[in-house]
Amino acid sequence: MCRSGHSYSLPDWTGCFHRLQRGNPARVEKMNVEHEVMLLVDEIRRLGSKNADGKTSVKFGVLFNDDKCANLFEALVGTLKAAKRKKVITFDGELLLQGVHDNVDVILLQE
């Protein structure tokens, strides 16, 4: 039972986390997205190189096929879309698909 009097069959921390989510689920999700975008920036820096404009870029296929990225990101394409929406990165098109878009540059806008 947690402090609010709710009885849970799961461990106490789960009940308290449930209250946190119930209180403001958007905040928890926002923190996860921002964290994943920061991780993506680190991976682009690790795998990429400077282009002619002096910005770091990496091919989508390189990101997608990298073992560390595969283990780090549950949904790489979703993280890329979120980062693009936040104007952290840019790439041609709206959606990147393995194979078809392997040669598309993912460009880091914020160094």
PDB file of N, CA and C in Angstrom:
ATOM      1  N   MET A   1       0.855  -1.171   0.000  1.00  0.00           N
ATOM      2  CA  MET A   1       0.000   0.000   0.000  1.00  0.00           C
ATOM      3  C   MET A   1       0.901   1.234   0.000  1.00  0.00           C
ATOM      4  N   CYS A   2       0.565   2.210  -0.836  1.00  0.00           N
ATOM      5  CA  CYS A   2       1.356   3.437  -0.870  1.00  0.00           C
ATOM      6  C   CYS A   2       0.730   4.477   0.054  1.00  0.00           C
ATOM      7  N   ARG A   3       1.364   5.611   0.188  1.00  0.00           N
ATOM      8  CA  ARG A   3       0.928   6.640   1.140  1.00  0.00           C
ATOM      9  C   ARG A   3      -0.492   7.132   0.899  1.00  0.00           C
ATOM     10  N   SER A   4      -0.914   7.120  -0.363  1.00  0.00           N
ATOM     11  CA  SER A   4      -2.254   7.631  -0.667  1.00  0.00           C
ATOM     12  C   SER A   4      -3.347   6.627  -0.316  1.00  0.00           C
ATOM     13  N   GLY A   5      -2.960   5.432   0.166  1.00  0.00           N
ATOM     14  CA  GLY A   5      -3.939   4.447   0.594  1.00  0.00           C
ATOM     15  C   GLY A   5      -4.341   3.450  -0.472  1.00  0.00           C
ATOM     16  N   HIS A   6      -3.763   3.567  -1.674  1.00  0.00           N
ATOM     17  CA  HIS A   6      -4.062   2.615  -2.732  1.00  0.00           C
ATOM     18  C   HIS A   6      -3.339   1.307  -2.475  1.00  0.00           C
ATOM     19  N   SER A   7      -4.017   0.234  -2.679  1.00  0.00           N
ATOM     20  CA  SER A   7      -3.410  -1.073  -2.483  1.00  0.00           C
ATOM     21  C   SER A   7      -2.951  -1.610  -3.831  1.00  0.00           C
ATOM     22  N   TYR A   8      -1.695  -2.008  -3.904  1.00  0.00           N
ATOM     23  CA  TYR A   8      -1.125  -2.525  -5.138  1.00  0.00           C
ATOM     24  C   TYR A   8      -0.573  -3.918  -4.885  1.00  0.00           C
ATOM     25  N   SER A   9      -0.673  -4.749  -5.895  1.00  0.00           N
ATOM     26  CA  SER A   9      -0.079  -6.075  -5.764  1.00  0.00           C
ATOM     27  C   SER A   9       1.386  -6.041  -6.195  1.00  0.00           C
ATOM     28  N   LEU A  10       1.800  -4.951  -6.814  1.00  0.00           N
ATOM     29  CA  LEU A  10       3.182  -4.798  -7.248  1.00  0.00           C
ATOM     30  C   LEU A  10       3.979  -4.126  -6.130  1.00  0.00           C
ATOM     31  N   PRO A  11       5.306  -4.103  -6.232  1.00  0.00           N
ATOM     32  CA  PRO A  11       6.123  -3.453  -5.202  1.00  0.00           C
ATOM     33  C   PRO A  11       5.730  -1.994  -5.009  1.00  0.00           C
ATOM     34  N   ASP A  12       6.042  -1.452  -3.844  1.00  0.00           N
ATOM     35  CA  ASP A  12       5.652  -0.084  -3.482  1.00  0.00           C
ATOM     36  C   ASP A  12       6.100   0.959  -4.495  1.00  0.00           C
ATOM     37  N   TRP A  13       7.334   0.827  -5.036  1.00  0.00           N
ATOM     38  CA  TRP A  13       7.822   1.836  -5.969  1.00  0.00           C
ATOM     39  C   TRP A  13       6.943   1.911  -7.207  1.00  0.00           C
ATOM     40  N   THR A  14       6.344   0.807  -7.612  1.00  0.00           N
ATOM     41  CA  THR A  14       5.483   0.809  -8.791  1.00  0.00           C
ATOM     42  C   THR A  14       4.241   1.647  -8.530  1.00  0.00           C
ATOM     43  N   GLY A  15       3.651   1.514  -7.358  1.00  0.00           N
ATOM     44  CA  GLY A  15       2.481   2.307  -7.016  1.00  0.00           C
ATOM     45  C   GLY A  15       2.795   3.785  -6.998  1.00  0.00           C
ATOM     46  N   CYS A  16       3.944   4.134  -6.465  1.00  0.00           N
ATOM     47  CA  CYS A  16       4.334   5.533  -6.415  1.00  0.00           C
ATOM     48  C   CYS A  16       4.631   6.055  -7.812  1.00  0.00           C
ATOM     49  N   PHE A  17       5.242   5.241  -8.659  1.00  0.00           N
ATOM     50  CA  PHE A  17       5.484   5.642 -10.043  1.00  0.00           C
ATOM     51  C   PHE A  17       4.156   5.817 -10.768  1.00  0.00           C
ATOM     52  N   HIS A  18       3.193   4.946 -10.454  1.00  0.00           N
ATOM     53  CA  HIS A  18       1.866   5.048 -11.059  1.00  0.00           C
ATOM     54  C   HIS A  18       1.251   6.408 -10.740  1.00  0.00           C
ATOM     55  N   ARG A  19       1.416   6.877  -9.501  1.00  0.00           N
ATOM     56  CA  ARG A  19       0.894   8.192  -9.133  1.00  0.00           C
ATOM     57  C   ARG A  19       1.590   9.289  -9.915  1.00  0.00           C
ATOM     58  N   LEU A  20       2.910   9.156 -10.109  1.00  0.00           N
ATOM     59  CA  LEU A  20       3.657  10.147 -10.878  1.00  0.00           C
ATOM     60  C   LEU A  20       3.123  10.217 -12.295  1.00  0.00           C
ATOM     61  N   GLN A  21       2.919   9.070 -12.914  1.00  0.00           N
ATOM     62  CA  GLN A  21       2.398   9.050 -14.265  1.00  0.00           C
ATOM     63  C   GLN A  21       0.984   9.616 -14.310  1.00  0.00           C
ATOM     64  N   ARG A  22       0.159   9.219 -13.340  1.00  0.00           N
ATOM     65  CA  ARG A  22      -1.213   9.687 -13.313  1.00  0.00           C
ATOM     66  C   ARG A  22      -1.243  11.198 -13.113  1.00  0.00           C
ATOM     67  N   GLY A  23      -0.282  11.711 -12.346  1.00  0.00           N
ATOM     68  CA  GLY A  23      -0.244  13.137 -12.065  1.00  0.00           C
ATOM     69  C   GLY A  23       0.124  13.969 -13.281  1.00  0.00           C
ATOM     70  N   ASN A  24       1.074  13.515 -14.069  1.00  0.00           N
ATOM     71  CA  ASN A  24       1.507  14.286 -15.229  1.00  0.00           C
ATOM     72  C   ASN A  24       2.213  13.373 -16.224  1.00  0.00           C
ATOM     73  N   PRO A  25       1.469  12.572 -16.976  1.00  0.00           N
ATOM     74  CA  PRO A  25       2.101  11.634 -17.897  1.00  0.00           C
ATOM     75  C   PRO A  25       2.878  12.318 -19.014  1.00  0.00           C
ATOM     76  N   ALA A  26       2.469  13.507 -19.416  1.00  0.00           N
ATOM     77  CA  ALA A  26       3.178  14.207 -20.487  1.00  0.00           C
ATOM     78  C   ALA A  26       4.592  14.567 -20.053  1.00  0.00           C
ATOM     79  N   ARG A  27       4.767  14.880 -18.766  1.00  0.00           N
ATOM     80  CA  ARG A  27       6.093  15.250 -18.257  1.00  0.00           C
ATOM     81  C   ARG A  27       7.050  14.061 -18.352  1.00  0.00           C
ATOM     82  N   VAL A  28       6.596  12.886 -17.966  1.00  0.00           N
ATOM     83  CA  VAL A  28       7.432  11.687 -18.022  1.00  0.00           C
ATOM     84  C   VAL A  28       7.809  11.393 -19.460  1.00  0.00           C
ATOM     85  N   GLU A  29       6.842  11.467 -20.371  1.00  0.00           N
ATOM     86  CA  GLU A  29       7.106  11.192 -21.786  1.00  0.00           C
ATOM     87  C   GLU A  29       8.051  12.226 -22.369  1.00  0.00           C
ATOM     88  N   LYS A  30       7.865  13.500 -22.016  1.00  0.00           N
ATOM     89  CA  LYS A  30       8.711  14.563 -22.531  1.00  0.00           C
ATOM     90  C   LYS A  30      10.154  14.358 -22.106  1.00  0.00           C
ATOM     91  N   MET A  31      10.364  13.955 -20.851  1.00  0.00           N
ATOM     92  CA  MET A  31      11.728  13.716 -20.372  1.00  0.00           C
ATOM     93  C   MET A  31      12.369  12.581 -21.160  1.00  0.00           C
ATOM     94  N   ASN A  32      11.623  11.526 -21.462  1.00  0.00           N
ATOM     95  CA  ASN A  32      12.175  10.405 -22.218  1.00  0.00           C
ATOM     96  C   ASN A  32      12.536  10.817 -23.631  1.00  0.00           C
ATOM     97  N   VAL A  33      11.695  11.594 -24.286  1.00  0.00           N
ATOM     98  CA  VAL A  33      11.964  12.038 -25.655  1.00  0.00           C
ATOM     99  C   VAL A  33      13.192  12.936 -25.677  1.00  0.00           C
ATOM    100  N   GLU A  34      13.261  13.881 -24.765  1.00  0.00           N
ATOM    101  CA  GLU A  34      14.414  14.778 -24.716  1.00  0.00           C
ATOM    102  C   GLU A  34      15.705  14.009 -24.455  1.00  0.00           C
ATOM    103  N   HIS A  35      15.633  13.019 -23.582  1.00  0.00           N
ATOM    104  CA  HIS A  35      16.803  12.189 -23.293  1.00  0.00           C
ATOM    105  C   HIS A  35      17.230  11.409 -24.538  1.00  0.00           C
ATOM    106  N   GLU A  36      16.277  10.824 -25.247  1.00  0.00           N
ATOM    107  CA  GLU A  36      16.611  10.069 -26.456  1.00  0.00           C
ATOM    108  C   GLU A  36      17.180  10.978 -27.537  1.00  0.00           C
ATOM    109  N   VAL A  37      16.662  12.191 -27.655  1.00  0.00           N
ATOM    110  CA  VAL A  37      17.204  13.135 -28.639  1.00  0.00           C
ATOM    111  C   VAL A  37      18.640  13.484 -28.285  1.00  0.00           C
ATOM    112  N   MET A  38      18.936  13.677 -27.003  1.00  0.00           N
ATOM    113  CA  MET A  38      20.318  13.949 -26.590  1.00  0.00           C
ATOM    114  C   MET A  38      21.234  12.770 -26.910  1.00  0.00           C
ATOM    115  N   LEU A  39      20.738  11.551 -26.691  1.00  0.00           N
ATOM    116  CA  LEU A  39      21.525  10.362 -27.033  1.00  0.00           C
ATOM    117  C   LEU A  39      21.757  10.288 -28.534  1.00  0.00           C
ATOM    118  N   LEU A  40      20.740  10.641 -29.320  1.00  0.00           N
ATOM    119  CA  LEU A  40      20.868  10.631 -30.773  1.00  0.00           C
ATOM    120  C   LEU A  40      21.944  11.614 -31.227  1.00  0.00           C
ATOM    121  N   VAL A  41      21.964  12.789 -30.639  1.00  0.00           N
ATOM    122  CA  VAL A  41      22.984  13.790 -30.970  1.00  0.00           C
ATOM    123  C   VAL A  41      24.377  13.215 -30.705  1.00  0.00           C
ATOM    124  N   ASP A  42      24.551  12.548 -29.577  1.00  0.00           N
ATOM    125  CA  ASP A  42      25.845  11.926 -29.260  1.00  0.00           C
ATOM    126  C   ASP A  42      26.230  10.882 -30.291  1.00  0.00           C
ATOM    127  N   GLU A  43      25.268  10.085 -30.733  1.00  0.00           N
ATOM    128  CA  GLU A  43      25.555   9.030 -31.713  1.00  0.00           C
ATOM    129  C   GLU A  43      25.867   9.620 -33.087  1.00  0.00           C
ATOM    130  N   ILE A  44      25.205  10.691 -33.470  1.00  0.00           N
ATOM    131  CA  ILE A  44      25.504  11.350 -34.746  1.00  0.00           C
ATOM    132  C   ILE A  44      26.917  11.904 -34.707  1.00  0.00           C
ATOM    133  N   ARG A  45      27.298  12.485 -33.577  1.00  0.00           N
ATOM    134  CA  ARG A  45      28.679  12.993 -33.433  1.00  0.00           C
ATOM    135  C   ARG A  45      29.689  11.851 -33.492  1.00  0.00           C
ATOM    136  N   ARG A  46      29.363  10.716 -32.874  1.00  0.00           N
ATOM    137  CA  ARG A  46      30.284   9.569 -32.855  1.00  0.00           C
ATOM    138  C   ARG A  46      30.460   8.968 -34.241  1.00  0.00           C
ATOM    139  N   LEU A  47      29.362   8.820 -34.971  1.00  0.00           N
ATOM    140  CA  LEU A  47      29.404   8.118 -36.259  1.00  0.00           C
ATOM    141  C   LEU A  47      29.603   9.038 -37.456  1.00  0.00           C
ATOM    142  N   GLY A  48      29.317  10.321 -37.287  1.00  0.00           N
ATOM    143  CA  GLY A  48      29.325  11.242 -38.428  1.00  0.00           C
ATOM    144  C   GLY A  48      30.653  11.922 -38.660  1.00  0.00           C
ATOM    145  N   SER A  49      30.616  12.788 -39.647  1.00  0.00           N
ATOM    146  CA  SER A  49      31.785  13.607 -39.983  1.00  0.00           C
ATOM    147  C   SER A  49      31.274  14.962 -40.465  1.00  0.00           C
ATOM    148  N   LYS A  50      32.174  15.926 -40.510  1.00  0.00           N
ATOM    149  CA  LYS A  50      31.799  17.278 -40.942  1.00  0.00           C
ATOM    150  C   LYS A  50      31.551  17.279 -42.449  1.00  0.00           C
ATOM    151  N   ASN A  51      30.462  17.919 -42.864  1.00  0.00           N
ATOM    152  CA  ASN A  51      30.181  18.050 -44.301  1.00  0.00           C
ATOM    153  C   ASN A  51      30.771  19.358 -44.808  1.00  0.00           C
ATOM    154  N   ALA A  52      30.473  19.712 -46.053  1.00  0.00           N
ATOM    155  CA  ALA A  52      31.037  20.919 -46.659  1.00  0.00           C
ATOM    156  C   ALA A  52      30.614  22.188 -45.930  1.00  0.00           C
ATOM    157  N   ASP A  53      29.463  22.167 -45.280  1.00  0.00           N
ATOM    158  CA  ASP A  53      28.971  23.326 -44.528  1.00  0.00           C
ATOM    159  C   ASP A  53      29.527  23.391 -43.115  1.00  0.00           C
ATOM    160  N   GLY A  54      30.340  22.412 -42.736  1.00  0.00           N
ATOM    161  CA  GLY A  54      30.912  22.376 -41.401  1.00  0.00           C
ATOM    162  C   GLY A  54      29.991  21.772 -40.349  1.00  0.00           C
ATOM    163  N   LYS A  55      28.880  21.180 -40.806  1.00  0.00           N
ATOM    164  CA  LYS A  55      27.941  20.542 -39.880  1.00  0.00           C
ATOM    165  C   LYS A  55      28.193  19.042 -39.867  1.00  0.00           C
ATOM    166  N   THR A  56      27.939  18.428 -38.735  1.00  0.00           N
ATOM    167  CA  THR A  56      28.130  16.985 -38.610  1.00  0.00           C
ATOM    168  C   THR A  56      26.970  16.266 -39.276  1.00  0.00           C
ATOM    169  N   SER A  57      27.298  15.292 -40.119  1.00  0.00           N
ATOM    170  CA  SER A  57      26.248  14.515 -40.769  1.00  0.00           C
ATOM    171  C   SER A  57      26.650  13.046 -40.813  1.00  0.00           C
ATOM    172  N   VAL A  58      25.632  12.199 -40.908  1.00  0.00           N
ATOM    173  CA  VAL A  58      25.833  10.762 -40.983  1.00  0.00           C
ATOM    174  C   VAL A  58      24.739  10.196 -41.878  1.00  0.00           C
ATOM    175  N   LYS A  59      25.056   9.162 -42.606  1.00  0.00           N
ATOM    176  CA  LYS A  59      24.051   8.500 -43.440  1.00  0.00           C
ATOM    177  C   LYS A  59      23.080   7.732 -42.543  1.00  0.00           C
ATOM    178  N   PHE A  60      21.802   7.737 -42.916  1.00  0.00           N
ATOM    179  CA  PHE A  60      20.795   7.018 -42.148  1.00  0.00           C
ATOM    180  C   PHE A  60      21.143   5.546 -42.025  1.00  0.00           C
ATOM    181  N   GLY A  61      21.641   4.932 -43.085  1.00  0.00           N
ATOM    182  CA  GLY A  61      22.004   3.520 -43.063  1.00  0.00           C
ATOM    183  C   GLY A  61      23.081   3.218 -42.034  1.00  0.00           C
ATOM    184  N   VAL A  62      24.018   4.139 -41.864  1.00  0.00           N
ATOM    185  CA  VAL A  62      25.080   3.961 -40.864  1.00  0.00           C
ATOM    186  C   VAL A  62      24.473   3.970 -39.461  1.00  0.00           C
ATOM    187  N   LEU A  63      23.582   4.932 -39.205  1.00  0.00           N
ATOM    188  CA  LEU A  63      22.894   4.994 -37.899  1.00  0.00           C
ATOM    189  C   LEU A  63      22.079   3.734 -37.657  1.00  0.00           C
ATOM    190  N   PHE A  64      21.297   3.351 -38.668  1.00  0.00           N
ATOM    191  CA  PHE A  64      20.365   2.236 -38.514  1.00  0.00           C
ATOM    192  C   PHE A  64      21.097   0.911 -38.294  1.00  0.00           C
ATOM    193  N   ASN A  65      22.220   0.722 -38.955  1.00  0.00           N
ATOM    194  CA  ASN A  65      22.940  -0.552 -38.881  1.00  0.00           C
ATOM    195  C   ASN A  65      23.980  -0.621 -37.765  1.00  0.00           C
ATOM    196  N   ASP A  66      24.167   0.464 -37.033  1.00  0.00           N
ATOM    197  CA  ASP A  66      25.128   0.478 -35.936  1.00  0.00           C
ATOM    198  C   ASP A  66      24.592  -0.318 -34.752  1.00  0.00           C
ATOM    199  N   ASP A  67      25.400  -1.222 -34.215  1.00  0.00           N
ATOM    200  CA  ASP A  67      24.969  -2.071 -33.101  1.00  0.00           C
ATOM    201  C   ASP A  67      24.610  -1.266 -31.851  1.00  0.00           C
ATOM    202  N   LYS A  68      25.420  -0.257 -31.535  1.00  0.00           N
ATOM    203  CA  LYS A  68      25.136   0.541 -30.339  1.00  0.00           C
ATOM    204  C   LYS A  68      23.797   1.275 -30.484  1.00  0.00           C
ATOM    205  N   CYS A  69      23.548   1.839 -31.654  1.00  0.00           N
ATOM    206  CA  CYS A  69      22.272   2.530 -31.896  1.00  0.00           C
ATOM    207  C   CYS A  69      21.104   1.558 -31.836  1.00  0.00           C
ATOM    208  N   ALA A  70      21.294   0.370 -32.368  1.00  0.00           N
ATOM    209  CA  ALA A  70      20.224  -0.641 -32.341  1.00  0.00           C
ATOM    210  C   ALA A  70      19.848  -0.996 -30.909  1.00  0.00           C
ATOM    211  N   ASN A  71      20.834  -1.035 -30.018  1.00  0.00           N
ATOM    212  CA  ASN A  71      20.569  -1.361 -28.624  1.00  0.00           C
ATOM    213  C   ASN A  71      20.071  -0.160 -27.822  1.00  0.00           C
ATOM    214  N   LEU A  72      20.444   1.028 -28.265  1.00  0.00           N
ATOM    215  CA  LEU A  72      20.131   2.249 -27.525  1.00  0.00           C
ATOM    216  C   LEU A  72      18.719   2.757 -27.791  1.00  0.00           C
ATOM    217  N   PHE A  73      18.288   2.690 -29.043  1.00  0.00           N
ATOM    218  CA  PHE A  73      17.012   3.283 -29.431  1.00  0.00           C
ATOM    219  C   PHE A  73      15.984   2.201 -29.735  1.00  0.00           C
ATOM    220  N   GLU A  74      14.881   2.268 -28.999  1.00  0.00           N
ATOM    221  CA  GLU A  74      13.788   1.326 -29.231  1.00  0.00           C
ATOM    222  C   GLU A  74      13.124   1.613 -30.575  1.00  0.00           C
ATOM    223  N   ALA A  75      13.021   2.892 -30.909  1.00  0.00           N
ATOM    224  CA  ALA A  75      12.405   3.299 -32.174  1.00  0.00           C
ATOM    225  C   ALA A  75      13.232   4.436 -32.766  1.00  0.00           C
ATOM    226  N   LEU A  76      14.277   4.089 -33.499  1.00  0.00           N
ATOM    227  CA  LEU A  76      15.189   5.078 -34.062  1.00  0.00           C
ATOM    228  C   LEU A  76      14.449   6.072 -34.950  1.00  0.00           C
ATOM    229  N   VAL A  77      13.564   5.585 -35.802  1.00  0.00           N
ATOM    230  CA  VAL A  77      12.843   6.466 -36.727  1.00  0.00           C
ATOM    231  C   VAL A  77      11.990   7.473 -35.944  1.00  0.00           C
ATOM    232  N   GLY A  78      11.357   7.032 -34.879  1.00  0.00           N
ATOM    233  CA  GLY A  78      10.568   7.945 -34.048  1.00  0.00           C
ATOM    234  C   GLY A  78      11.437   8.992 -33.377  1.00  0.00           C
ATOM    235  N   THR A  79      12.609   8.594 -32.913  1.00  0.00           N
ATOM    236  CA  THR A  79      13.541   9.542 -32.292  1.00  0.00           C
ATOM    237  C   THR A  79      14.037  10.544 -33.320  1.00  0.00           C
ATOM    238  N   LEU A  80      14.298  10.079 -34.540  1.00  0.00           N
ATOM    239  CA  LEU A  80      14.719  10.990 -35.612  1.00  0.00           C
ATOM    240  C   LEU A  80      13.623  12.008 -35.914  1.00  0.00           C
ATOM    241  N   LYS A  81      12.383  11.552 -35.989  1.00  0.00           N
ATOM    242  CA  LYS A  81      11.262  12.470 -36.256  1.00  0.00           C
ATOM    243  C   LYS A  81      11.117  13.493 -35.138  1.00  0.00           C
ATOM    244  N   ALA A  82      11.264  13.061 -33.884  1.00  0.00           N
ATOM    245  CA  ALA A  82      11.161  13.984 -32.751  1.00  0.00           C
ATOM    246  C   ALA A  82      12.283  15.018 -32.794  1.00  0.00           C
ATOM    247  N   ALA A  83      13.493  14.574 -33.111  1.00  0.00           N
ATOM    248  CA  ALA A  83      14.639  15.489 -33.188  1.00  0.00           C
ATOM    249  C   ALA A  83      14.469  16.481 -34.337  1.00  0.00           C
ATOM    250  N   LYS A  84      13.902  16.028 -35.440  1.00  0.00           N
ATOM    251  CA  LYS A  84      13.658  16.922 -36.576  1.00  0.00           C
ATOM    252  C   LYS A  84      12.595  17.955 -36.209  1.00  0.00           C
ATOM    253  N   ARG A  85      11.544  17.510 -35.520  1.00  0.00           N
ATOM    254  CA  ARG A  85      10.473  18.410 -35.090  1.00  0.00           C
ATOM    255  C   ARG A  85      11.018  19.484 -34.144  1.00  0.00           C
ATOM    256  N   LYS A  86      12.021  19.123 -33.327  1.00  0.00           N
ATOM    257  CA  LYS A  86      12.635  20.072 -32.392  1.00  0.00           C
ATOM    258  C   LYS A  86      13.740  20.904 -33.053  1.00  0.00           C
ATOM    259  N   LYS A  87      13.948  20.675 -34.358  1.00  0.00           N
ATOM    260  CA  LYS A  87      14.967  21.388 -35.139  1.00  0.00           C
ATOM    261  C   LYS A  87      16.386  21.164 -34.609  1.00  0.00           C
ATOM    262  N   VAL A  88      16.621  19.934 -34.132  1.00  0.00           N
ATOM    263  CA  VAL A  88      17.954  19.537 -33.687  1.00  0.00           C
ATOM    264  C   VAL A  88      18.715  18.932 -34.864  1.00  0.00           C
ATOM    265  N   ILE A  89      17.993  18.226 -35.732  1.00  0.00           N
ATOM    266  CA  ILE A  89      18.569  17.614 -36.935  1.00  0.00           C
ATOM    267  C   ILE A  89      17.682  17.947 -38.120  1.00  0.00           C
ATOM    268  N   THR A  90      18.173  17.627 -39.304  1.00  0.00           N
ATOM    269  CA  THR A  90      17.361  17.719 -40.505  1.00  0.00           C
ATOM    270  C   THR A  90      17.732  16.573 -41.434  1.00  0.00           C
ATOM    271  N   PHE A  91      16.795  16.201 -42.267  1.00  0.00           N
ATOM    272  CA  PHE A  91      17.023  15.209 -43.325  1.00  0.00           C
ATOM    273  C   PHE A  91      15.941  15.407 -44.373  1.00  0.00           C
ATOM    274  N   ASP A  92      16.207  14.938 -45.586  1.00  0.00           N
ATOM    275  CA  ASP A  92      15.228  15.067 -46.665  1.00  0.00           C
ATOM    276  C   ASP A  92      14.070  14.106 -46.438  1.00  0.00           C
ATOM    277  N   GLY A  93      12.870  14.591 -46.654  1.00  0.00           N
ATOM    278  CA  GLY A  93      11.682  13.762 -46.506  1.00  0.00           C
ATOM    279  C   GLY A  93      11.135  13.809 -45.093  1.00  0.00           C
ATOM    280  N   GLU A  94      10.026  13.092 -44.904  1.00  0.00           N
ATOM    281  CA  GLU A  94       9.387  13.050 -43.593  1.00  0.00           C
ATOM    282  C   GLU A  94       9.748  11.810 -42.802  1.00  0.00           C
ATOM    283  N   LEU A  95       9.961  10.710 -43.507  1.00  0.00           N
ATOM    284  CA  LEU A  95      10.162   9.416 -42.865  1.00  0.00           C
ATOM    285  C   LEU A  95      11.318   8.690 -43.543  1.00  0.00           C
ATOM    286  N   LEU A  96      12.182   8.081 -42.745  1.00  0.00           N
ATOM    287  CA  LEU A  96      13.307   7.325 -43.294  1.00  0.00           C
ATOM    288  C   LEU A  96      13.061   5.834 -43.089  1.00  0.00           C
ATOM    289  N   LEU A  97      13.255   5.070 -44.138  1.00  0.00           N
ATOM    290  CA  LEU A  97      13.057   3.616 -44.099  1.00  0.00           C
ATOM    291  C   LEU A  97      14.354   2.910 -44.447  1.00  0.00           C
ATOM    292  N   GLN A  98      14.624   1.817 -43.734  1.00  0.00           N
ATOM    293  CA  GLN A  98      15.840   1.041 -43.980  1.00  0.00           C
ATOM    294  C   GLN A  98      15.862   0.558 -45.422  1.00  0.00           C
ATOM    295  N   GLY A  99      17.037   0.603 -46.011  1.00  0.00           N
ATOM    296  CA  GLY A  99      17.202   0.144 -47.387  1.00  0.00           C
ATOM    297  C   GLY A  99      16.922   1.253 -48.377  1.00  0.00           C
ATOM    298  N   VAL A 100      15.713   1.754 -48.387  1.00  0.00           N
ATOM    299  CA  VAL A 100      15.307   2.794 -49.329  1.00  0.00           C
ATOM    300  C   VAL A 100      16.050   4.099 -49.087  1.00  0.00           C
ATOM    301  N   HIS A 101      16.241   4.459 -47.829  1.00  0.00           N
ATOM    302  CA  HIS A 101      16.824   5.751 -47.477  1.00  0.00           C
ATOM    303  C   HIS A 101      18.191   5.637 -46.801  1.00  0.00           C
ATOM    304  N   ASP A 102      18.899   4.554 -47.031  1.00  0.00           N
ATOM    305  CA  ASP A 102      20.205   4.353 -46.380  1.00  0.00           C
ATOM    306  C   ASP A 102      21.216   5.452 -46.696  1.00  0.00           C
ATOM    307  N   ASN A 103      21.112   6.073 -47.885  1.00  0.00           N
ATOM    308  CA  ASN A 103      22.083   7.094 -48.285  1.00  0.00           C
ATOM    309  C   ASN A 103      21.634   8.517 -47.983  1.00  0.00           C
ATOM    310  N   VAL A 104      20.550   8.684 -47.250  1.00  0.00           N
ATOM    311  CA  VAL A 104      20.072  10.013 -46.881  1.00  0.00           C
ATOM    312  C   VAL A 104      20.911  10.546 -45.719  1.00  0.00           C
ATOM    313  N   ASP A 105      21.366  11.777 -45.855  1.00  0.00           N
ATOM    314  CA  ASP A 105      22.158  12.420 -44.801  1.00  0.00           C
ATOM    315  C   ASP A 105      21.260  12.897 -43.667  1.00  0.00           C
ATOM    316  N   VAL A 106      21.647  12.552 -42.451  1.00  0.00           N
ATOM    317  CA  VAL A 106      21.028  13.092 -41.241  1.00  0.00           C
ATOM    318  C   VAL A 106      22.015  14.136 -40.730  1.00  0.00           C
ATOM    319  N   ILE A 107      21.592  15.398 -40.734  1.00  0.00           N
ATOM    320  CA  ILE A 107      22.494  16.516 -40.442  1.00  0.00           C
ATOM    321  C   ILE A 107      22.161  17.129 -39.090  1.00  0.00           C
ATOM    322  N   LEU A 108      23.186  17.281 -38.271  1.00  0.00           N
ATOM    323  CA  LEU A 108      23.054  17.871 -36.948  1.00  0.00           C
ATOM    324  C   LEU A 108      23.043  19.398 -37.099  1.00  0.00           C
ATOM    325  N   LEU A 109      21.976  20.048 -36.659  1.00  0.00           N
ATOM    326  CA  LEU A 109      21.851  21.497 -36.799  1.00  0.00           C
ATOM    327  C   LEU A 109      22.453  22.236 -35.620  1.00  0.00           C
ATOM    328  N   GLN A 110      22.468  21.605 -34.445  1.00  0.00           N
ATOM    329  CA  GLN A 110      22.975  22.237 -33.235  1.00  0.00           C
ATOM    330  C   GLN A 110      24.250  21.531 -32.796  1.00  0.00           C
ATOM    331  N   GLU A 111      25.365  22.195 -32.919  1.00  0.00           N
ATOM    332  CA  GLU A 111      26.647  21.565 -32.564  1.00  0.00           C
ATOM    333  C   GLU A 111      26.914  21.640 -31.092  1.00  0.00           C
TER     334      GLU A 111
END
